[in-house]
Amino acid sequence: MSKPFGWIVGTLALLGFGAWVWAFHGPCGISEVRDTQSQLSAIAGRWTDALRLAGATPRNQLAGPLATLQASRREADELVVPVCLLRAKTDIVKAMDFGNESLIQFMEADANDEFLVGAAASTAAIATKQARSELDRALAAVGVVVGCAPLCKSQEPSHVSGTP
């Protein structure tokens, strides 16, 4: 084997190894994306479970389930994610905010006004259903990123429904 040929083979081998490292451990590497997907799914699962519990809890006893919902939201917000999952994470946090805020508004409704309490309950039910739908959509986006990593492009957060 001649020296130039050996040098070319060595360079190609080094480039191949670098590409493999980048694909699995780069800024949006496959390993990092899969780990983050597992973490986001677990957090979203805890939030959804707490939301179901809140739906079966009397209005005057919602403080406990709401505290769990807010803790899950903070956990999602504090999670450091690869840049290719920033949009999905932001959408997940916004969906959680939307659901949490609807329950807070329901709790704050004047207990002496049955009409307001009923309206707040209806609004909260619709808003939490929409929040779950938005959360499912954001988690599906995480799955898409897992499928294209490490070649996914960074995206800005999308718009998720505002406050109820």
N, C-alpha and C. Protein backbone atom coordinates (compact mmCIF):
# COMPACT_ATOMS: atom_id res chain seq x y z
N MET A 1 0.86 -1.16 0.00
CA MET A 1 0.00 0.00 0.00
C MET A 1 0.91 1.23 0.00
N SER A 2 0.62 2.16 -0.88
CA SER A 2 1.45 3.35 -0.95
C SER A 2 1.06 4.32 0.16
N LYS A 3 1.99 5.22 0.46
CA LYS A 3 1.74 6.17 1.55
C LYS A 3 0.54 7.08 1.28
N PRO A 4 0.38 7.64 0.07
CA PRO A 4 -0.80 8.49 -0.16
C PRO A 4 -2.11 7.72 0.00
N PHE A 5 -2.13 6.48 -0.49
CA PHE A 5 -3.35 5.68 -0.37
C PHE A 5 -3.65 5.39 1.11
N GLY A 6 -2.64 5.06 1.89
CA GLY A 6 -2.82 4.80 3.32
C GLY A 6 -3.30 6.04 4.05
N TRP A 7 -2.78 7.18 3.65
CA TRP A 7 -3.19 8.44 4.27
C TRP A 7 -4.66 8.72 3.97
N ILE A 8 -5.09 8.46 2.75
CA ILE A 8 -6.49 8.67 2.36
C ILE A 8 -7.41 7.72 3.12
N VAL A 9 -7.03 6.46 3.23
CA VAL A 9 -7.83 5.48 3.97
C VAL A 9 -7.93 5.88 5.44
N GLY A 10 -6.82 6.28 6.01
CA GLY A 10 -6.80 6.71 7.41
C GLY A 10 -7.69 7.92 7.64
N THR A 11 -7.62 8.88 6.74
CA THR A 11 -8.44 10.09 6.84
C THR A 11 -9.92 9.75 6.73
N LEU A 12 -10.27 8.89 5.78
CA LEU A 12 -11.67 8.48 5.63
C LEU A 12 -12.17 7.73 6.86
N ALA A 13 -11.32 6.88 7.43
CA ALA A 13 -11.70 6.15 8.64
C ALA A 13 -11.93 7.13 9.79
N LEU A 14 -11.07 8.12 9.92
CA LEU A 14 -11.22 9.12 10.98
C LEU A 14 -12.48 9.94 10.78
N LEU A 15 -12.76 10.32 9.54
CA LEU A 15 -13.99 11.06 9.26
C LEU A 15 -15.23 10.22 9.55
N GLY A 16 -15.18 8.95 9.18
CA GLY A 16 -16.30 8.05 9.47
C GLY A 16 -16.55 7.92 10.96
N PHE A 17 -15.48 7.78 11.73
CA PHE A 17 -15.62 7.68 13.19
C PHE A 17 -16.20 8.98 13.74
N GLY A 18 -15.72 10.11 13.25
CA GLY A 18 -16.23 11.41 13.70
C GLY A 18 -17.71 11.57 13.39
N ALA A 19 -18.11 11.12 12.21
CA ALA A 19 -19.53 11.19 11.83
C ALA A 19 -20.38 10.31 12.74
N TRP A 20 -19.86 9.12 13.08
CA TRP A 20 -20.59 8.22 13.97
C TRP A 20 -20.76 8.86 15.35
N VAL A 21 -19.68 9.45 15.87
CA VAL A 21 -19.75 10.11 17.18
C VAL A 21 -20.76 11.25 17.13
N TRP A 22 -20.69 12.06 16.06
CA TRP A 22 -21.61 13.18 15.93
C TRP A 22 -23.05 12.69 15.85
N ALA A 23 -23.31 11.64 15.10
CA ALA A 23 -24.67 11.13 14.92
C ALA A 23 -25.29 10.66 16.23
N PHE A 24 -24.49 10.08 17.09
CA PHE A 24 -25.04 9.56 18.35
C PHE A 24 -24.89 10.50 19.53
N HIS A 25 -23.88 11.36 19.49
CA HIS A 25 -23.61 12.19 20.67
C HIS A 25 -23.48 13.67 20.35
N GLY A 26 -23.81 14.07 19.14
CA GLY A 26 -23.73 15.47 18.74
C GLY A 26 -24.85 16.29 19.36
N PRO A 27 -25.00 17.55 18.92
CA PRO A 27 -25.99 18.45 19.52
C PRO A 27 -27.43 17.94 19.43
N CYS A 28 -27.70 17.13 18.45
CA CYS A 28 -29.03 16.53 18.33
C CYS A 28 -28.86 15.04 18.04
N GLY A 29 -27.92 14.46 18.76
CA GLY A 29 -27.58 13.06 18.54
C GLY A 29 -28.69 12.11 18.93
N ILE A 30 -28.66 10.97 18.31
CA ILE A 30 -29.70 9.97 18.49
C ILE A 30 -29.86 9.58 19.96
N SER A 31 -28.76 9.36 20.66
CA SER A 31 -28.83 8.96 22.08
C SER A 31 -29.49 10.04 22.92
N GLU A 32 -29.07 11.29 22.72
CA GLU A 32 -29.62 12.40 23.49
C GLU A 32 -31.11 12.59 23.21
N VAL A 33 -31.49 12.49 21.96
CA VAL A 33 -32.89 12.68 21.58
C VAL A 33 -33.76 11.57 22.19
N ARG A 34 -33.30 10.34 22.12
CA ARG A 34 -34.08 9.23 22.70
C ARG A 34 -34.21 9.36 24.20
N ASP A 35 -33.14 9.75 24.88
CA ASP A 35 -33.20 9.93 26.34
C ASP A 35 -34.19 11.04 26.69
N THR A 36 -34.13 12.14 25.94
CA THR A 36 -35.03 13.26 26.21
C THR A 36 -36.47 12.88 25.92
N GLN A 37 -36.69 12.10 24.87
CA GLN A 37 -38.04 11.64 24.56
C GLN A 37 -38.60 10.85 25.75
N SER A 38 -37.81 9.97 26.32
CA SER A 38 -38.26 9.18 27.48
C SER A 38 -38.60 10.09 28.65
N GLN A 39 -37.76 11.08 28.90
CA GLN A 39 -38.01 11.99 30.02
C GLN A 39 -39.27 12.81 29.80
N LEU A 40 -39.42 13.38 28.60
CA LEU A 40 -40.61 14.18 28.31
C LEU A 40 -41.88 13.33 28.38
N SER A 41 -41.82 12.13 27.88
CA SER A 41 -42.99 11.24 27.93
C SER A 41 -43.38 10.90 29.37
N ALA A 42 -42.38 10.66 30.21
CA ALA A 42 -42.65 10.34 31.61
C ALA A 42 -43.28 11.54 32.33
N ILE A 43 -42.73 12.73 32.09
CA ILE A 43 -43.28 13.94 32.72
C ILE A 43 -44.71 14.18 32.24
N ALA A 44 -44.93 14.06 30.94
CA ALA A 44 -46.26 14.26 30.38
C ALA A 44 -47.24 13.22 30.93
N GLY A 45 -46.78 12.01 31.11
CA GLY A 45 -47.64 10.97 31.69
C GLY A 45 -48.06 11.30 33.12
N ARG A 46 -47.12 11.81 33.91
CA ARG A 46 -47.46 12.20 35.29
C ARG A 46 -48.45 13.36 35.28
N TRP A 47 -48.25 14.32 34.36
CA TRP A 47 -49.15 15.47 34.28
C TRP A 47 -50.55 15.01 33.87
N THR A 48 -50.64 14.13 32.89
CA THR A 48 -51.93 13.63 32.42
C THR A 48 -52.64 12.84 33.53
N ASP A 49 -51.90 12.03 34.28
CA ASP A 49 -52.51 11.30 35.40
C ASP A 49 -53.06 12.27 36.45
N ALA A 50 -52.29 13.31 36.76
CA ALA A 50 -52.75 14.30 37.74
C ALA A 50 -53.96 15.06 37.21
N LEU A 51 -54.00 15.31 35.90
CA LEU A 51 -55.14 16.00 35.31
C LEU A 51 -56.40 15.14 35.41
N ARG A 52 -56.27 13.85 35.18
CA ARG A 52 -57.41 12.94 35.34
C ARG A 52 -57.91 12.94 36.78
N LEU A 53 -56.98 12.91 37.72
CA LEU A 53 -57.35 12.96 39.13
C LEU A 53 -58.06 14.27 39.46
N ALA A 54 -57.55 15.37 38.93
CA ALA A 54 -58.18 16.67 39.18
C ALA A 54 -59.61 16.68 38.63
N GLY A 55 -59.83 16.02 37.51
CA GLY A 55 -61.18 15.98 36.93
C GLY A 55 -62.18 15.23 37.79
N ALA A 56 -61.70 14.39 38.70
CA ALA A 56 -62.58 13.63 39.58
C ALA A 56 -62.56 14.17 41.01
N THR A 57 -61.98 15.35 41.19
CA THR A 57 -61.83 15.93 42.53
C THR A 57 -62.79 17.10 42.70
N PRO A 58 -63.46 17.19 43.86
CA PRO A 58 -64.34 18.33 44.11
C PRO A 58 -63.54 19.65 44.03
N ARG A 59 -64.22 20.69 43.59
CA ARG A 59 -63.57 21.99 43.34
C ARG A 59 -62.81 22.50 44.56
N ASN A 60 -63.36 22.33 45.73
CA ASN A 60 -62.72 22.87 46.93
C ASN A 60 -61.54 22.01 47.40
N GLN A 61 -61.25 20.91 46.71
CA GLN A 61 -60.13 20.04 47.08
C GLN A 61 -59.11 19.90 45.95
N LEU A 62 -59.12 20.85 45.02
CA LEU A 62 -58.24 20.77 43.86
C LEU A 62 -56.81 21.22 44.13
N ALA A 63 -56.54 21.78 45.29
CA ALA A 63 -55.20 22.31 45.56
C ALA A 63 -54.12 21.22 45.44
N GLY A 64 -54.39 20.02 45.95
CA GLY A 64 -53.40 18.94 45.88
C GLY A 64 -53.10 18.50 44.45
N PRO A 65 -54.14 18.13 43.68
CA PRO A 65 -53.88 17.76 42.29
C PRO A 65 -53.25 18.90 41.48
N LEU A 66 -53.67 20.14 41.76
CA LEU A 66 -53.09 21.26 41.02
C LEU A 66 -51.60 21.43 41.36
N ALA A 67 -51.24 21.20 42.60
CA ALA A 67 -49.82 21.28 42.97
C ALA A 67 -49.01 20.23 42.20
N THR A 68 -49.56 19.04 42.03
CA THR A 68 -48.89 18.00 41.25
C THR A 68 -48.77 18.41 39.79
N LEU A 69 -49.83 18.99 39.24
CA LEU A 69 -49.80 19.47 37.86
C LEU A 69 -48.73 20.55 37.68
N GLN A 70 -48.67 21.47 38.62
CA GLN A 70 -47.68 22.54 38.52
C GLN A 70 -46.26 22.01 38.68
N ALA A 71 -46.07 21.01 39.53
CA ALA A 71 -44.73 20.42 39.70
C ALA A 71 -44.28 19.73 38.41
N SER A 72 -45.19 19.04 37.75
CA SER A 72 -44.86 18.39 36.47
C SER A 72 -44.52 19.44 35.42
N ARG A 73 -45.25 20.52 35.42
CA ARG A 73 -44.99 21.60 34.46
C ARG A 73 -43.60 22.20 34.70
N ARG A 74 -43.26 22.44 35.96
CA ARG A 74 -41.93 22.99 36.27
C ARG A 74 -40.83 22.01 35.87
N GLU A 75 -41.07 20.73 36.11
CA GLU A 75 -40.08 19.71 35.73
C GLU A 75 -39.85 19.71 34.22
N ALA A 76 -40.92 19.83 33.45
CA ALA A 76 -40.80 19.88 31.99
C ALA A 76 -40.06 21.14 31.56
N ASP A 77 -40.39 22.25 32.19
CA ASP A 77 -39.77 23.53 31.83
C ASP A 77 -38.27 23.53 32.13
N GLU A 78 -37.87 22.89 33.22
CA GLU A 78 -36.46 22.88 33.63
C GLU A 78 -35.63 21.84 32.88
N LEU A 79 -36.26 20.93 32.17
CA LEU A 79 -35.53 19.89 31.45
C LEU A 79 -34.71 20.51 30.32
N VAL A 80 -33.44 20.21 30.29
CA VAL A 80 -32.56 20.68 29.22
C VAL A 80 -32.70 19.69 28.06
N VAL A 81 -33.04 20.22 26.88
CA VAL A 81 -33.29 19.37 25.72
C VAL A 81 -32.36 19.76 24.58
N PRO A 82 -32.11 18.81 23.67
CA PRO A 82 -31.35 19.15 22.47
C PRO A 82 -32.11 20.22 21.67
N VAL A 83 -31.39 21.01 20.92
CA VAL A 83 -32.00 22.12 20.20
C VAL A 83 -33.12 21.65 19.26
N CYS A 84 -33.01 20.46 18.72
CA CYS A 84 -34.05 19.97 17.80
C CYS A 84 -35.35 19.63 18.53
N LEU A 85 -35.33 19.55 19.86
CA LEU A 85 -36.55 19.27 20.63
C LEU A 85 -37.06 20.50 21.38
N LEU A 86 -36.44 21.65 21.16
CA LEU A 86 -36.84 22.86 21.88
C LEU A 86 -38.29 23.24 21.56
N ARG A 87 -38.67 23.16 20.31
CA ARG A 87 -40.03 23.51 19.93
C ARG A 87 -41.04 22.59 20.62
N ALA A 88 -40.81 21.30 20.58
CA ALA A 88 -41.73 20.35 21.19
C ALA A 88 -41.81 20.57 22.70
N LYS A 89 -40.67 20.79 23.34
CA LYS A 89 -40.68 21.03 24.79
C LYS A 89 -41.48 22.29 25.12
N THR A 90 -41.26 23.35 24.35
CA THR A 90 -41.99 24.59 24.59
C THR A 90 -43.49 24.38 24.42
N ASP A 91 -43.88 23.62 23.42
CA ASP A 91 -45.30 23.33 23.21
C ASP A 91 -45.88 22.49 24.35
N ILE A 92 -45.10 21.55 24.87
CA ILE A 92 -45.55 20.74 26.00
C ILE A 92 -45.78 21.62 27.22
N VAL A 93 -44.86 22.52 27.52
CA VAL A 93 -44.99 23.41 28.67
C VAL A 93 -46.19 24.34 28.49
N LYS A 94 -46.39 24.86 27.28
CA LYS A 94 -47.54 25.74 27.03
C LYS A 94 -48.85 24.99 27.20
N ALA A 95 -48.92 23.76 26.75
CA ALA A 95 -50.14 22.97 26.92
C ALA A 95 -50.42 22.74 28.40
N MET A 96 -49.37 22.46 29.16
CA MET A 96 -49.54 22.28 30.61
C MET A 96 -50.00 23.57 31.27
N ASP A 97 -49.42 24.69 30.86
CA ASP A 97 -49.84 25.98 31.40
C ASP A 97 -51.32 26.22 31.14
N PHE A 98 -51.75 25.92 29.93
CA PHE A 98 -53.15 26.12 29.54
C PHE A 98 -54.09 25.30 30.41
N GLY A 99 -53.77 24.04 30.61
CA GLY A 99 -54.60 23.18 31.45
C GLY A 99 -54.60 23.61 32.91
N ASN A 100 -53.41 23.94 33.42
CA ASN A 100 -53.31 24.37 34.81
C ASN A 100 -54.09 25.66 35.06
N GLU A 101 -53.96 26.62 34.14
CA GLU A 101 -54.64 27.90 34.31
C GLU A 101 -56.16 27.72 34.29
N SER A 102 -56.65 26.81 33.47
CA SER A 102 -58.10 26.60 33.43
C SER A 102 -58.61 26.07 34.77
N LEU A 103 -57.83 25.21 35.40
CA LEU A 103 -58.24 24.70 36.72
C LEU A 103 -58.16 25.78 37.79
N ILE A 104 -57.17 26.63 37.70
CA ILE A 104 -57.06 27.75 38.65
C ILE A 104 -58.27 28.66 38.52
N GLN A 105 -58.67 28.97 37.30
CA GLN A 105 -59.85 29.81 37.10
C GLN A 105 -61.11 29.14 37.63
N PHE A 106 -61.21 27.83 37.48
CA PHE A 106 -62.35 27.09 38.03
C PHE A 106 -62.35 27.18 39.55
N MET A 107 -61.18 27.04 40.16
CA MET A 107 -61.09 27.12 41.62
C MET A 107 -61.45 28.51 42.13
N GLU A 108 -61.12 29.53 41.34
CA GLU A 108 -61.34 30.91 41.77
C GLU A 108 -62.78 31.39 41.56
N ALA A 109 -63.61 30.62 40.88
CA ALA A 109 -65.00 31.03 40.62
C ALA A 109 -65.73 31.23 41.95
N ASP A 110 -66.56 32.24 41.99
CA ASP A 110 -67.32 32.57 43.20
C ASP A 110 -68.27 31.43 43.55
N ALA A 111 -68.04 30.81 44.70
CA ALA A 111 -68.83 29.65 45.13
C ALA A 111 -70.30 30.00 45.35
N ASN A 112 -70.60 31.27 45.58
CA ASN A 112 -71.98 31.69 45.84
C ASN A 112 -72.78 31.87 44.55
N ASP A 113 -72.13 31.87 43.43
CA ASP A 113 -72.82 32.07 42.15
C ASP A 113 -72.77 30.77 41.36
N GLU A 114 -73.85 30.00 41.43
CA GLU A 114 -73.89 28.68 40.79
C GLU A 114 -73.67 28.77 39.28
N PHE A 115 -74.17 29.85 38.66
CA PHE A 115 -74.00 30.01 37.22
C PHE A 115 -72.52 30.16 36.87
N LEU A 116 -71.80 31.00 37.62
CA LEU A 116 -70.37 31.20 37.36
C LEU A 116 -69.58 29.92 37.59
N VAL A 117 -69.94 29.20 38.64
CA VAL A 117 -69.25 27.94 38.92
C VAL A 117 -69.49 26.95 37.78
N GLY A 118 -70.73 26.87 37.31
CA GLY A 118 -71.06 25.98 36.20
C GLY A 118 -70.33 26.38 34.92
N ALA A 119 -70.29 27.69 34.65
CA ALA A 119 -69.59 28.17 33.46
C ALA A 119 -68.09 27.89 33.57
N ALA A 120 -67.54 28.11 34.75
CA ALA A 120 -66.10 27.86 34.96
C ALA A 120 -65.80 26.37 34.82
N ALA A 121 -66.72 25.53 35.30
CA ALA A 121 -66.52 24.08 35.17
C ALA A 121 -66.53 23.66 33.70
N SER A 122 -67.47 24.21 32.94
CA SER A 122 -67.54 23.88 31.50
C SER A 122 -66.29 24.36 30.78
N THR A 123 -65.86 25.57 31.07
CA THR A 123 -64.66 26.12 30.45
C THR A 123 -63.44 25.28 30.81
N ALA A 124 -63.33 24.89 32.07
CA ALA A 124 -62.20 24.08 32.51
C ALA A 124 -62.20 22.72 31.81
N ALA A 125 -63.37 22.12 31.66
CA ALA A 125 -63.45 20.82 31.00
C ALA A 125 -63.01 20.92 29.54
N ILE A 126 -63.47 21.95 28.86
CA ILE A 126 -63.08 22.15 27.45
C ILE A 126 -61.58 22.45 27.36
N ALA A 127 -61.10 23.33 28.23
CA ALA A 127 -59.69 23.73 28.18
C ALA A 127 -58.75 22.58 28.51
N THR A 128 -59.11 21.76 29.50
CA THR A 128 -58.22 20.65 29.83
C THR A 128 -58.22 19.60 28.72
N LYS A 129 -59.36 19.43 28.06
CA LYS A 129 -59.40 18.50 26.91
C LYS A 129 -58.51 19.03 25.79
N GLN A 130 -58.57 20.33 25.55
CA GLN A 130 -57.72 20.93 24.52
C GLN A 130 -56.25 20.84 24.92
N ALA A 131 -55.96 21.05 26.20
CA ALA A 131 -54.57 20.95 26.67
C ALA A 131 -54.03 19.54 26.46
N ARG A 132 -54.85 18.53 26.75
CA ARG A 132 -54.41 17.14 26.52
C ARG A 132 -54.15 16.89 25.03
N SER A 133 -55.00 17.45 24.19
CA SER A 133 -54.82 17.30 22.75
C SER A 133 -53.53 17.98 22.28
N GLU A 134 -53.27 19.17 22.78
CA GLU A 134 -52.03 19.89 22.44
C GLU A 134 -50.81 19.13 22.95
N LEU A 135 -50.93 18.56 24.13
CA LEU A 135 -49.83 17.78 24.70
C LEU A 135 -49.55 16.55 23.83
N ASP A 136 -50.59 15.86 23.41
CA ASP A 136 -50.42 14.70 22.54
C ASP A 136 -49.77 15.09 21.22
N ARG A 137 -50.18 16.23 20.67
CA ARG A 137 -49.59 16.71 19.41
C ARG A 137 -48.11 17.01 19.60
N ALA A 138 -47.75 17.65 20.71
CA ALA A 138 -46.34 17.98 20.97
C ALA A 138 -45.51 16.71 21.17
N LEU A 139 -46.08 15.72 21.86
CA LEU A 139 -45.37 14.46 22.05
C LEU A 139 -45.19 13.73 20.72
N ALA A 140 -46.16 13.85 19.83
CA ALA A 140 -46.01 13.25 18.50
C ALA A 140 -44.88 13.94 17.74
N ALA A 141 -44.72 15.25 17.95
CA ALA A 141 -43.62 15.98 17.31
C ALA A 141 -42.28 15.48 17.83
N VAL A 142 -42.22 15.13 19.11
CA VAL A 142 -40.99 14.55 19.67
C VAL A 142 -40.67 13.25 18.93
N GLY A 143 -41.69 12.44 18.68
CA GLY A 143 -41.49 11.19 17.96
C GLY A 143 -40.95 11.41 16.55
N VAL A 144 -41.40 12.47 15.89
CA VAL A 144 -40.91 12.80 14.56
C VAL A 144 -39.43 13.16 14.63
N VAL A 145 -39.05 13.93 15.64
CA VAL A 145 -37.65 14.32 15.79
C VAL A 145 -36.79 13.08 16.06
N VAL A 146 -37.28 12.16 16.86
CA VAL A 146 -36.53 10.94 17.13
C VAL A 146 -36.27 10.21 15.80
N GLY A 147 -37.22 10.25 14.90
CA GLY A 147 -37.06 9.58 13.62
C GLY A 147 -36.07 10.24 12.68
N CYS A 148 -35.84 11.54 12.83
CA CYS A 148 -34.93 12.21 11.90
C CYS A 148 -33.58 12.56 12.53
N ALA A 149 -33.42 12.35 13.82
CA ALA A 149 -32.14 12.67 14.47
C ALA A 149 -31.04 11.85 13.83
N PRO A 150 -29.89 12.37 13.65
CA PRO A 150 -29.35 13.65 14.09
C PRO A 150 -29.49 14.77 13.06
N LEU A 151 -30.26 14.56 12.02
CA LEU A 151 -30.32 15.52 10.92
C LEU A 151 -31.46 16.52 11.04
N CYS A 152 -32.15 16.55 12.18
CA CYS A 152 -33.27 17.46 12.37
C CYS A 152 -32.74 18.89 12.46
N LYS A 153 -33.55 19.80 12.00
CA LYS A 153 -33.18 21.21 12.08
C LYS A 153 -33.86 21.84 13.28
N SER A 154 -33.22 22.83 13.83
CA SER A 154 -33.78 23.57 14.95
C SER A 154 -35.01 24.34 14.47
N GLN A 155 -36.02 24.41 15.32
CA GLN A 155 -37.22 25.15 14.97
C GLN A 155 -37.62 26.02 16.13
N GLU A 156 -38.25 27.14 15.82
CA GLU A 156 -38.76 28.02 16.86
C GLU A 156 -40.03 27.41 17.45
N PRO A 157 -40.35 27.76 18.70
CA PRO A 157 -41.58 27.23 19.30
C PRO A 157 -42.79 27.63 18.48
N SER A 158 -43.75 26.73 18.36
CA SER A 158 -44.97 27.03 17.63
C SER A 158 -45.97 27.67 18.59
N HIS A 159 -47.05 28.10 18.04
CA HIS A 159 -48.09 28.72 18.86
C HIS A 159 -49.02 27.65 19.41
N VAL A 160 -49.19 27.64 20.72
CA VAL A 160 -50.15 26.78 21.38
C VAL A 160 -51.20 27.68 21.98
N SER A 161 -52.40 27.22 22.06
CA SER A 161 -53.52 28.02 22.54
C SER A 161 -53.16 28.83 23.77
N GLY A 162 -53.71 30.02 23.83
CA GLY A 162 -53.46 30.92 24.95
C GLY A 162 -54.22 30.50 26.19
N THR A 163 -54.32 31.40 27.14
CA THR A 163 -55.01 31.09 28.38
C THR A 163 -56.49 30.93 28.12
N PRO A 164 -57.15 30.12 28.94
CA PRO A 164 -58.58 29.86 28.74
C PRO A 164 -59.42 31.10 29.00
